[in-house]
Amino acid sequence: MTSTARQLPSAQPGPDALLQALRRLAEPVQALPARTQHAATGGQPLIDALLREISETVLPREITLSIGQTPAAVLTAAHRRLAGLTLGGTAEAGAAPEDPAAAAELFAARLRRLEVEAAGAGFSLGRRPCKAPEGAGSCTPEMLQEALAAPARSPLSSFRAAAADQALAWIHCGPGRQTPVTGGPAPLLDQLQAVRSTFTASATRPGSAKIPARKPDCLLLPVSSEIRILVASHEDELLFLALPPKAVPGLIETWNSLFS
């Protein structure tokens, strides 16, 4: 699924953005319920509303999105940047990648899921102050626009992008017979290749469980006190990651938010 580019005020408050903000502040009180009702009846595009909320948020805020009466996502925004987005009704425990482009790609994948879930239904937004996000990757609304406008990557590719800052090495086997894409030092790649060979062999044995599974699956292998190997599969893709133990909890949160 791809999304067309969307227009919204610049993250850097130029004259046009300031003028639009002043116009909204000057709206009569009677116009505010009408705008809320417009969103609640599905008359306003969901992604456009979220991008506008981010672009207008300076002080740290948690923005809760409800589709109908059901909490669907929580966004953390500050300084006109998105620093967190979790699907469901609670704030996300795992941080986004430090690289802004990777963070934008990860958030865009979740926004696409929200857009499908909403499917033109009514929604509402609630805001409350929160602590300033620390150590979390973030991106501007413009970066989100670019990620949303680009051809959608597979969920497993988005997961790999989210893990890029923390993975010690990785092997990504794409759809079909594509040549695997790898990264990291040779000794770790040899370990990952050995795990990959074991999975491939088990998949070809008669009566064995087929690997990769058609449904999303994630397996953690504690190789040593310093390294964990995470094996993720989705449809006909496989991803093998060598990770430091401290990176595992956050990536499991990311996995759950992308695939649960």
C-alpha atoms as a PDB file:
ATOM      1  CA  MET A   1       0.000   0.000   0.000  1.00  0.00           C
ATOM      2  CA  THR A   2       1.287   3.398  -0.874  1.00  0.00           C
ATOM      3  CA  SER A   3       0.137   6.796   0.254  1.00  0.00           C
ATOM      4  CA  THR A   4       0.156  10.017  -1.672  1.00  0.00           C
ATOM      5  CA  ALA A   5       2.160  12.943  -0.385  1.00  0.00           C
ATOM      6  CA  ARG A   6       0.296  15.129   2.056  1.00  0.00           C
ATOM      7  CA  GLN A   7       0.612  18.839   2.651  1.00  0.00           C
ATOM      8  CA  LEU A   8       0.964  20.209   6.149  1.00  0.00           C
ATOM      9  CA  PRO A   9       2.577  23.205   7.827  1.00  0.00           C
ATOM     10  CA  SER A  10       6.363  23.158   7.973  1.00  0.00           C
ATOM     11  CA  ALA A  11       8.004  21.864  11.166  1.00  0.00           C
ATOM     12  CA  GLN A  12      10.001  25.080  11.174  1.00  0.00           C
ATOM     13  CA  PRO A  13       7.446  27.825  11.860  1.00  0.00           C
ATOM     14  CA  GLY A  14       7.630  29.997   8.766  1.00  0.00           C
ATOM     15  CA  PRO A  15       5.200  32.796   7.904  1.00  0.00           C
ATOM     16  CA  ASP A  16       2.587  30.452   6.357  1.00  0.00           C
ATOM     17  CA  ALA A  17       2.669  28.033   9.293  1.00  0.00           C
ATOM     18  CA  LEU A  18       2.422  30.878  11.788  1.00  0.00           C
ATOM     19  CA  LEU A  19      -0.469  32.420   9.865  1.00  0.00           C
ATOM     20  CA  GLN A  20      -2.371  29.139   9.811  1.00  0.00           C
ATOM     21  CA  ALA A  21      -1.792  28.602  13.533  1.00  0.00           C
ATOM     22  CA  LEU A  22      -3.029  32.132  14.308  1.00  0.00           C
ATOM     23  CA  ARG A  23      -6.123  31.536  12.196  1.00  0.00           C
ATOM     24  CA  ARG A  24      -6.903  28.365  14.116  1.00  0.00           C
ATOM     25  CA  LEU A  25      -6.400  30.153  17.432  1.00  0.00           C
ATOM     26  CA  ALA A  26      -8.716  32.900  16.242  1.00  0.00           C
ATOM     27  CA  GLU A  27     -11.493  30.487  15.276  1.00  0.00           C
ATOM     28  CA  PRO A  28     -14.726  31.083  17.172  1.00  0.00           C
ATOM     29  CA  VAL A  29     -15.368  28.670  20.008  1.00  0.00           C
ATOM     30  CA  GLN A  30     -18.333  27.288  18.072  1.00  0.00           C
ATOM     31  CA  ALA A  31     -15.989  26.059  15.319  1.00  0.00           C
ATOM     32  CA  LEU A  32     -14.028  23.731  17.612  1.00  0.00           C
ATOM     33  CA  PRO A  33     -16.859  21.243  18.276  1.00  0.00           C
ATOM     34  CA  ALA A  34     -17.638  21.276  14.550  1.00  0.00           C
ATOM     35  CA  ARG A  35     -14.038  20.363  13.712  1.00  0.00           C
ATOM     36  CA  THR A  36     -14.081  17.588  16.321  1.00  0.00           C
ATOM     37  CA  GLN A  37     -17.401  16.304  14.984  1.00  0.00           C
ATOM     38  CA  HIS A  38     -15.971  16.331  11.451  1.00  0.00           C
ATOM     39  CA  ALA A  39     -13.193  13.974  12.552  1.00  0.00           C
ATOM     40  CA  ALA A  40     -15.544  11.844  14.652  1.00  0.00           C
ATOM     41  CA  THR A  41     -17.738  11.144  11.636  1.00  0.00           C
ATOM     42  CA  GLY A  42     -14.836  10.176   9.385  1.00  0.00           C
ATOM     43  CA  GLY A  43     -14.877  13.402   7.395  1.00  0.00           C
ATOM     44  CA  GLN A  44     -11.200  14.193   8.006  1.00  0.00           C
ATOM     45  CA  PRO A  45      -8.260  12.058   6.766  1.00  0.00           C
ATOM     46  CA  LEU A  46      -6.652  10.339   9.760  1.00  0.00           C
ATOM     47  CA  ILE A  47      -3.020  10.686   8.674  1.00  0.00           C
ATOM     48  CA  ASP A  48      -3.424  14.365   7.832  1.00  0.00           C
ATOM     49  CA  ALA A  49      -4.847  15.037  11.296  1.00  0.00           C
ATOM     50  CA  LEU A  50      -1.984  13.205  13.019  1.00  0.00           C
ATOM     51  CA  LEU A  51       0.682  14.967  10.966  1.00  0.00           C
ATOM     52  CA  ARG A  52      -0.892  18.315  11.813  1.00  0.00           C
ATOM     53  CA  GLU A  53      -0.963  17.450  15.524  1.00  0.00           C
ATOM     54  CA  ILE A  54       2.750  16.611  15.441  1.00  0.00           C
ATOM     55  CA  SER A  55       3.657  19.750  13.507  1.00  0.00           C
ATOM     56  CA  GLU A  56       1.838  21.936  16.071  1.00  0.00           C
ATOM     57  CA  THR A  57       3.151  20.230  19.241  1.00  0.00           C
ATOM     58  CA  VAL A  58       6.071  21.997  20.907  1.00  0.00           C
ATOM     59  CA  LEU A  59       5.857  20.986  24.577  1.00  0.00           C
ATOM     60  CA  PRO A  60       5.984  17.205  25.215  1.00  0.00           C
ATOM     61  CA  ARG A  61       2.571  15.627  24.790  1.00  0.00           C
ATOM     62  CA  GLU A  62       1.045  12.166  24.603  1.00  0.00           C
ATOM     63  CA  ILE A  63      -1.574  12.130  21.864  1.00  0.00           C
ATOM     64  CA  THR A  64      -4.086   9.304  22.248  1.00  0.00           C
ATOM     65  CA  LEU A  65      -5.918   8.260  19.110  1.00  0.00           C
ATOM     66  CA  SER A  66      -9.259   6.505  19.483  1.00  0.00           C
ATOM     67  CA  ILE A  67     -11.042   4.972  16.500  1.00  0.00           C
ATOM     68  CA  GLY A  68     -14.688   5.033  17.399  1.00  0.00           C
ATOM     69  CA  GLN A  69     -14.618   4.392  21.146  1.00  0.00           C
ATOM     70  CA  THR A  70     -11.539   2.135  21.096  1.00  0.00           C
ATOM     71  CA  PRO A  71      -8.028   3.433  21.907  1.00  0.00           C
ATOM     72  CA  ALA A  72      -5.952   2.584  18.844  1.00  0.00           C
ATOM     73  CA  ALA A  73      -2.573   4.304  19.315  1.00  0.00           C
ATOM     74  CA  VAL A  74      -0.510   6.613  21.504  1.00  0.00           C
ATOM     75  CA  LEU A  75       1.893   9.097  19.932  1.00  0.00           C
ATOM     76  CA  THR A  76       4.596  10.975  21.816  1.00  0.00           C
ATOM     77  CA  ALA A  77       5.438  14.330  20.262  1.00  0.00           C
ATOM     78  CA  ALA A  78       7.689  17.222  21.269  1.00  0.00           C
ATOM     79  CA  HIS A  79       9.441  20.105  19.503  1.00  0.00           C
ATOM     80  CA  ARG A  80       7.350  19.401  16.391  1.00  0.00           C
ATOM     81  CA  ARG A  81       8.809  15.891  16.111  1.00  0.00           C
ATOM     82  CA  LEU A  82       7.337  12.428  16.590  1.00  0.00           C
ATOM     83  CA  ALA A  83       9.333  10.490  19.206  1.00  0.00           C
ATOM     84  CA  GLY A  84       7.079   7.511  19.823  1.00  0.00           C
ATOM     85  CA  LEU A  85       4.131   5.694  18.291  1.00  0.00           C
ATOM     86  CA  THR A  86       2.665   2.522  19.687  1.00  0.00           C
ATOM     87  CA  LEU A  87      -0.417   0.686  18.505  1.00  0.00           C
ATOM     88  CA  GLY A  88      -2.934   0.089  21.266  1.00  0.00           C
ATOM     89  CA  GLY A  89      -3.881   2.192  24.246  1.00  0.00           C
ATOM     90  CA  THR A  90      -0.592   2.541  26.133  1.00  0.00           C
ATOM     91  CA  ALA A  91       2.670   4.375  25.476  1.00  0.00           C
ATOM     92  CA  GLU A  92       5.445   2.401  23.809  1.00  0.00           C
ATOM     93  CA  ALA A  93       8.216   0.916  25.957  1.00  0.00           C
ATOM     94  CA  GLY A  94      10.783   0.412  23.196  1.00  0.00           C
ATOM     95  CA  ALA A  95      12.537   3.405  21.662  1.00  0.00           C
ATOM     96  CA  ALA A  96      12.636   4.076  17.939  1.00  0.00           C
ATOM     97  CA  PRO A  97      15.955   3.939  16.036  1.00  0.00           C
ATOM     98  CA  GLU A  98      18.238   6.932  16.620  1.00  0.00           C
ATOM     99  CA  ASP A  99      18.575   7.522  12.880  1.00  0.00           C
ATOM    100  CA  PRO A 100      15.698   9.891  11.953  1.00  0.00           C
ATOM    101  CA  ALA A 101      15.137   8.271   8.546  1.00  0.00           C
ATOM    102  CA  ALA A 102      14.874   4.803  10.115  1.00  0.00           C
ATOM    103  CA  ALA A 103      12.547   6.166  12.806  1.00  0.00           C
ATOM    104  CA  ALA A 104      10.356   7.747  10.115  1.00  0.00           C
ATOM    105  CA  GLU A 105      10.177   4.459   8.215  1.00  0.00           C
ATOM    106  CA  LEU A 106       9.190   2.554  11.353  1.00  0.00           C
ATOM    107  CA  PHE A 107       6.545   5.114  12.327  1.00  0.00           C
ATOM    108  CA  ALA A 108       5.234   5.212   8.748  1.00  0.00           C
ATOM    109  CA  ALA A 109       4.688   1.441   8.803  1.00  0.00           C
ATOM    110  CA  ARG A 110       2.585   1.827  11.961  1.00  0.00           C
ATOM    111  CA  LEU A 111       0.675   4.773  10.509  1.00  0.00           C
ATOM    112  CA  ARG A 112      -0.211   2.666   7.467  1.00  0.00           C
ATOM    113  CA  ARG A 113      -1.615   0.000   9.805  1.00  0.00           C
ATOM    114  CA  LEU A 114      -3.660   2.651  11.584  1.00  0.00           C
ATOM    115  CA  GLU A 115      -4.944   3.984   8.279  1.00  0.00           C
ATOM    116  CA  VAL A 116      -6.112   0.500   7.266  1.00  0.00           C
ATOM    117  CA  GLU A 117      -7.667  -0.073  10.688  1.00  0.00           C
ATOM    118  CA  ALA A 118      -9.541   3.225  10.579  1.00  0.00           C
ATOM    119  CA  ALA A 119     -10.751   2.693   6.979  1.00  0.00           C
ATOM    120  CA  GLY A 120     -12.574   6.029   6.956  1.00  0.00           C
ATOM    121  CA  ALA A 121     -14.136   5.543  10.385  1.00  0.00           C
ATOM    122  CA  GLY A 122     -14.509   8.386  12.840  1.00  0.00           C
ATOM    123  CA  PHE A 123     -11.717   9.110  15.291  1.00  0.00           C
ATOM    124  CA  SER A 124     -10.853  11.416  18.154  1.00  0.00           C
ATOM    125  CA  LEU A 125      -7.602  12.742  19.608  1.00  0.00           C
ATOM    126  CA  GLY A 126      -6.807  13.340  23.259  1.00  0.00           C
ATOM    127  CA  ARG A 127      -3.731  15.192  24.515  1.00  0.00           C
ATOM    128  CA  ARG A 128      -2.014  15.272  27.868  1.00  0.00           C
ATOM    129  CA  PRO A 129       1.355  16.578  29.098  1.00  0.00           C
ATOM    130  CA  CYS A 130       4.140  14.030  29.513  1.00  0.00           C
ATOM    131  CA  LYS A 131       7.831  13.921  30.318  1.00  0.00           C
ATOM    132  CA  ALA A 132      10.234  14.950  27.594  1.00  0.00           C
ATOM    133  CA  PRO A 133      11.312  11.791  25.728  1.00  0.00           C
ATOM    134  CA  GLU A 134      14.913  10.797  26.480  1.00  0.00           C
ATOM    135  CA  GLY A 135      17.081   8.605  24.281  1.00  0.00           C
ATOM    136  CA  ALA A 136      14.294   8.056  21.767  1.00  0.00           C
ATOM    137  CA  GLY A 137      14.699   8.386  18.037  1.00  0.00           C
ATOM    138  CA  SER A 138      12.449  10.985  16.453  1.00  0.00           C
ATOM    139  CA  CYS A 139      11.554  12.465  13.083  1.00  0.00           C
ATOM    140  CA  THR A 140       9.832  15.518  11.632  1.00  0.00           C
ATOM    141  CA  PRO A 141       6.409  15.438   9.960  1.00  0.00           C
ATOM    142  CA  GLU A 142       8.152  16.073   6.635  1.00  0.00           C
ATOM    143  CA  MET A 143      10.237  12.904   7.084  1.00  0.00           C
ATOM    144  CA  LEU A 144       7.040  11.013   7.844  1.00  0.00           C
ATOM    145  CA  GLN A 145       5.456  12.404   4.685  1.00  0.00           C
ATOM    146  CA  GLU A 146       8.395  11.193   2.601  1.00  0.00           C
ATOM    147  CA  ALA A 147       8.285   7.734   4.193  1.00  0.00           C
ATOM    148  CA  LEU A 148       4.526   7.496   3.648  1.00  0.00           C
ATOM    149  CA  ALA A 149       4.783   8.632   0.032  1.00  0.00           C
ATOM    150  CA  ALA A 150       7.528   6.107  -0.767  1.00  0.00           C
ATOM    151  CA  PRO A 151       6.565   2.594  -1.902  1.00  0.00           C
ATOM    152  CA  ALA A 152       5.692   0.571   1.182  1.00  0.00           C
ATOM    153  CA  ARG A 153       8.460  -1.775   2.276  1.00  0.00           C
ATOM    154  CA  SER A 154       7.709  -5.173   3.755  1.00  0.00           C
ATOM    155  CA  PRO A 155       7.083  -5.242   7.525  1.00  0.00           C
ATOM    156  CA  LEU A 156      10.225  -7.336   7.994  1.00  0.00           C
ATOM    157  CA  SER A 157      12.282  -4.689   6.150  1.00  0.00           C
ATOM    158  CA  SER A 158      10.850  -2.067   8.500  1.00  0.00           C
ATOM    159  CA  PHE A 159      11.798  -4.263  11.452  1.00  0.00           C
ATOM    160  CA  ARG A 160      15.329  -4.591  10.098  1.00  0.00           C
ATOM    161  CA  ALA A 161      15.544  -0.797   9.780  1.00  0.00           C
ATOM    162  CA  ALA A 162      14.405  -0.455  13.402  1.00  0.00           C
ATOM    163  CA  ALA A 163      17.131  -2.875  14.526  1.00  0.00           C
ATOM    164  CA  ALA A 164      19.914  -1.375  12.409  1.00  0.00           C
ATOM    165  CA  ASP A 165      21.338   0.870  15.157  1.00  0.00           C
ATOM    166  CA  GLN A 166      21.593  -1.983  17.659  1.00  0.00           C
ATOM    167  CA  ALA A 167      22.283  -5.119  15.610  1.00  0.00           C
ATOM    168  CA  LEU A 168      25.845  -6.413  15.659  1.00  0.00           C
ATOM    169  CA  ALA A 169      25.266  -8.322  12.414  1.00  0.00           C
ATOM    170  CA  TRP A 170      22.343  -9.413  10.271  1.00  0.00           C
ATOM    171  CA  ILE A 171      21.259 -11.541   7.311  1.00  0.00           C
ATOM    172  CA  HIS A 172      18.026 -10.672   5.512  1.00  0.00           C
ATOM    173  CA  CYS A 173      16.643 -13.216   3.053  1.00  0.00           C
ATOM    174  CA  GLY A 174      14.116 -11.359   0.924  1.00  0.00           C
ATOM    175  CA  PRO A 175      11.162 -12.717  -1.047  1.00  0.00           C
ATOM    176  CA  GLY A 176      11.751 -15.344  -3.693  1.00  0.00           C
ATOM    177  CA  ARG A 177      15.332 -16.201  -4.583  1.00  0.00           C
ATOM    178  CA  GLN A 178      16.831 -12.803  -3.919  1.00  0.00           C
ATOM    179  CA  THR A 179      20.448 -12.766  -2.811  1.00  0.00           C
ATOM    180  CA  PRO A 180      20.540 -12.312   0.996  1.00  0.00           C
ATOM    181  CA  VAL A 181      21.561  -8.866   2.230  1.00  0.00           C
ATOM    182  CA  THR A 182      24.095  -8.930   5.048  1.00  0.00           C
ATOM    183  CA  GLY A 183      25.914  -6.589   7.409  1.00  0.00           C
ATOM    184  CA  GLY A 184      28.432  -6.919  10.230  1.00  0.00           C
ATOM    185  CA  PRO A 185      31.783  -8.593  10.949  1.00  0.00           C
ATOM    186  CA  ALA A 186      32.605 -11.943   9.376  1.00  0.00           C
ATOM    187  CA  PRO A 187      32.723 -14.032  12.629  1.00  0.00           C
ATOM    188  CA  LEU A 188      29.184 -12.999  13.558  1.00  0.00           C
ATOM    189  CA  LEU A 189      27.969 -13.467  10.007  1.00  0.00           C
ATOM    190  CA  ASP A 190      29.391 -17.015  10.119  1.00  0.00           C
ATOM    191  CA  GLN A 191      27.339 -17.678  13.267  1.00  0.00           C
ATOM    192  CA  LEU A 192      24.212 -16.306  11.651  1.00  0.00           C
ATOM    193  CA  GLN A 193      24.863 -18.320   8.494  1.00  0.00           C
ATOM    194  CA  ALA A 194      25.125 -21.498  10.601  1.00  0.00           C
ATOM    195  CA  VAL A 195      21.733 -20.747  12.171  1.00  0.00           C
ATOM    196  CA  ARG A 196      20.295 -19.988   8.740  1.00  0.00           C
ATOM    197  CA  SER A 197      21.601 -23.308   7.376  1.00  0.00           C
ATOM    198  CA  THR A 198      19.989 -25.166  10.283  1.00  0.00           C
ATOM    199  CA  PHE A 199      16.641 -23.505   9.634  1.00  0.00           C
ATOM    200  CA  THR A 200      16.853 -24.151   5.901  1.00  0.00           C
ATOM    201  CA  ALA A 201      17.715 -27.819   6.458  1.00  0.00           C
ATOM    202  CA  SER A 202      14.847 -28.297   8.917  1.00  0.00           C
ATOM    203  CA  ALA A 203      12.428 -26.753   6.432  1.00  0.00           C
ATOM    204  CA  THR A 204      13.354 -29.246   3.706  1.00  0.00           C
ATOM    205  CA  ARG A 205      13.055 -32.392   5.860  1.00  0.00           C
ATOM    206  CA  PRO A 206       9.830 -34.348   5.231  1.00  0.00           C
ATOM    207  CA  GLY A 207       7.312 -33.861   8.006  1.00  0.00           C
ATOM    208  CA  SER A 208       9.170 -30.934   9.538  1.00  0.00           C
ATOM    209  CA  ALA A 209       7.681 -27.532  10.279  1.00  0.00           C
ATOM    210  CA  LYS A 210       8.027 -25.320   7.248  1.00  0.00           C
ATOM    211  CA  ILE A 211      10.390 -22.361   7.616  1.00  0.00           C
ATOM    212  CA  PRO A 212       9.676 -19.594   6.972  1.00  0.00           C
ATOM    213  CA  ALA A 213       6.130 -19.706   8.327  1.00  0.00           C
ATOM    214  CA  ARG A 214       3.378 -17.912   6.453  1.00  0.00           C
ATOM    215  CA  LYS A 215       2.396 -16.021   9.595  1.00  0.00           C
ATOM    216  CA  PRO A 216       4.802 -13.678  11.406  1.00  0.00           C
ATOM    217  CA  ASP A 217       7.063 -15.509  13.842  1.00  0.00           C
ATOM    218  CA  CYS A 218       9.931 -14.454  16.086  1.00  0.00           C
ATOM    219  CA  LEU A 219      12.402 -16.729  17.887  1.00  0.00           C
ATOM    220  CA  LEU A 220      15.145 -15.727  20.342  1.00  0.00           C
ATOM    221  CA  LEU A 221      18.276 -17.863  20.726  1.00  0.00           C
ATOM    222  CA  PRO A 222      20.569 -17.136  23.743  1.00  0.00           C
ATOM    223  CA  VAL A 223      23.887 -18.033  22.115  1.00  0.00           C
ATOM    224  CA  SER A 224      26.106 -16.631  24.890  1.00  0.00           C
ATOM    225  CA  SER A 225      26.107 -14.095  27.717  1.00  0.00           C
ATOM    226  CA  GLU A 226      27.094 -11.405  25.211  1.00  0.00           C
ATOM    227  CA  ILE A 227      25.059 -12.291  22.121  1.00  0.00           C
ATOM    228  CA  ARG A 228      21.461 -13.151  21.360  1.00  0.00           C
ATOM    229  CA  ILE A 229      20.343 -14.292  17.928  1.00  0.00           C
ATOM    230  CA  LEU A 230      16.850 -13.277  16.888  1.00  0.00           C
ATOM    231  CA  VAL A 231      15.234 -15.124  13.991  1.00  0.00           C
ATOM    232  CA  ALA A 232      12.188 -13.438  12.476  1.00  0.00           C
ATOM    233  CA  SER A 233      10.020 -14.691   9.617  1.00  0.00           C
ATOM    234  CA  HIS A 234       7.150 -13.191   7.673  1.00  0.00           C
ATOM    235  CA  GLU A 235       5.586 -14.880   4.656  1.00  0.00           C
ATOM    236  CA  ASP A 236       8.596 -15.917   2.525  1.00  0.00           C
ATOM    237  CA  GLU A 237      11.155 -13.631   4.198  1.00  0.00           C
ATOM    238  CA  LEU A 238      13.671 -14.478   6.923  1.00  0.00           C
ATOM    239  CA  LEU A 239      15.747 -12.141   9.091  1.00  0.00           C
ATOM    240  CA  PHE A 240      18.615 -13.199  11.365  1.00  0.00           C
ATOM    241  CA  LEU A 241      19.947 -10.645  13.865  1.00  0.00           C
ATOM    242  CA  ALA A 242      22.920 -10.858  16.236  1.00  0.00           C
ATOM    243  CA  LEU A 243      22.107  -8.574  19.163  1.00  0.00           C
ATOM    244  CA  PRO A 244      23.543  -7.482  22.494  1.00  0.00           C
ATOM    245  CA  PRO A 245      21.207  -8.638  25.306  1.00  0.00           C
ATOM    246  CA  LYS A 246      20.233  -5.071  26.267  1.00  0.00           C
ATOM    247  CA  ALA A 247      18.776  -4.477  22.789  1.00  0.00           C
ATOM    248  CA  VAL A 248      16.360  -7.403  22.959  1.00  0.00           C
ATOM    249  CA  PRO A 249      13.473  -5.987  25.085  1.00  0.00           C
ATOM    250  CA  GLY A 250      13.047  -2.872  22.954  1.00  0.00           C
ATOM    251  CA  LEU A 251      13.109  -4.847  19.700  1.00  0.00           C
ATOM    252  CA  ILE A 252      10.561  -7.326  21.029  1.00  0.00           C
ATOM    253  CA  GLU A 253       8.321  -4.320  21.741  1.00  0.00           C
ATOM    254  CA  THR A 254       8.931  -3.123  18.192  1.00  0.00           C
ATOM    255  CA  TRP A 255       8.110  -6.560  16.802  1.00  0.00           C
ATOM    256  CA  ASN A 256       4.858  -6.690  18.745  1.00  0.00           C
ATOM    257  CA  SER A 257       3.837  -3.208  17.587  1.00  0.00           C
ATOM    258  CA  LEU A 258       4.478  -4.129  13.937  1.00  0.00           C
ATOM    259  CA  PHE A 259       3.007  -7.625  13.847  1.00  0.00           C
ATOM    260  CA  SER A 260       0.628  -8.144  16.778  1.00  0.00           C
END
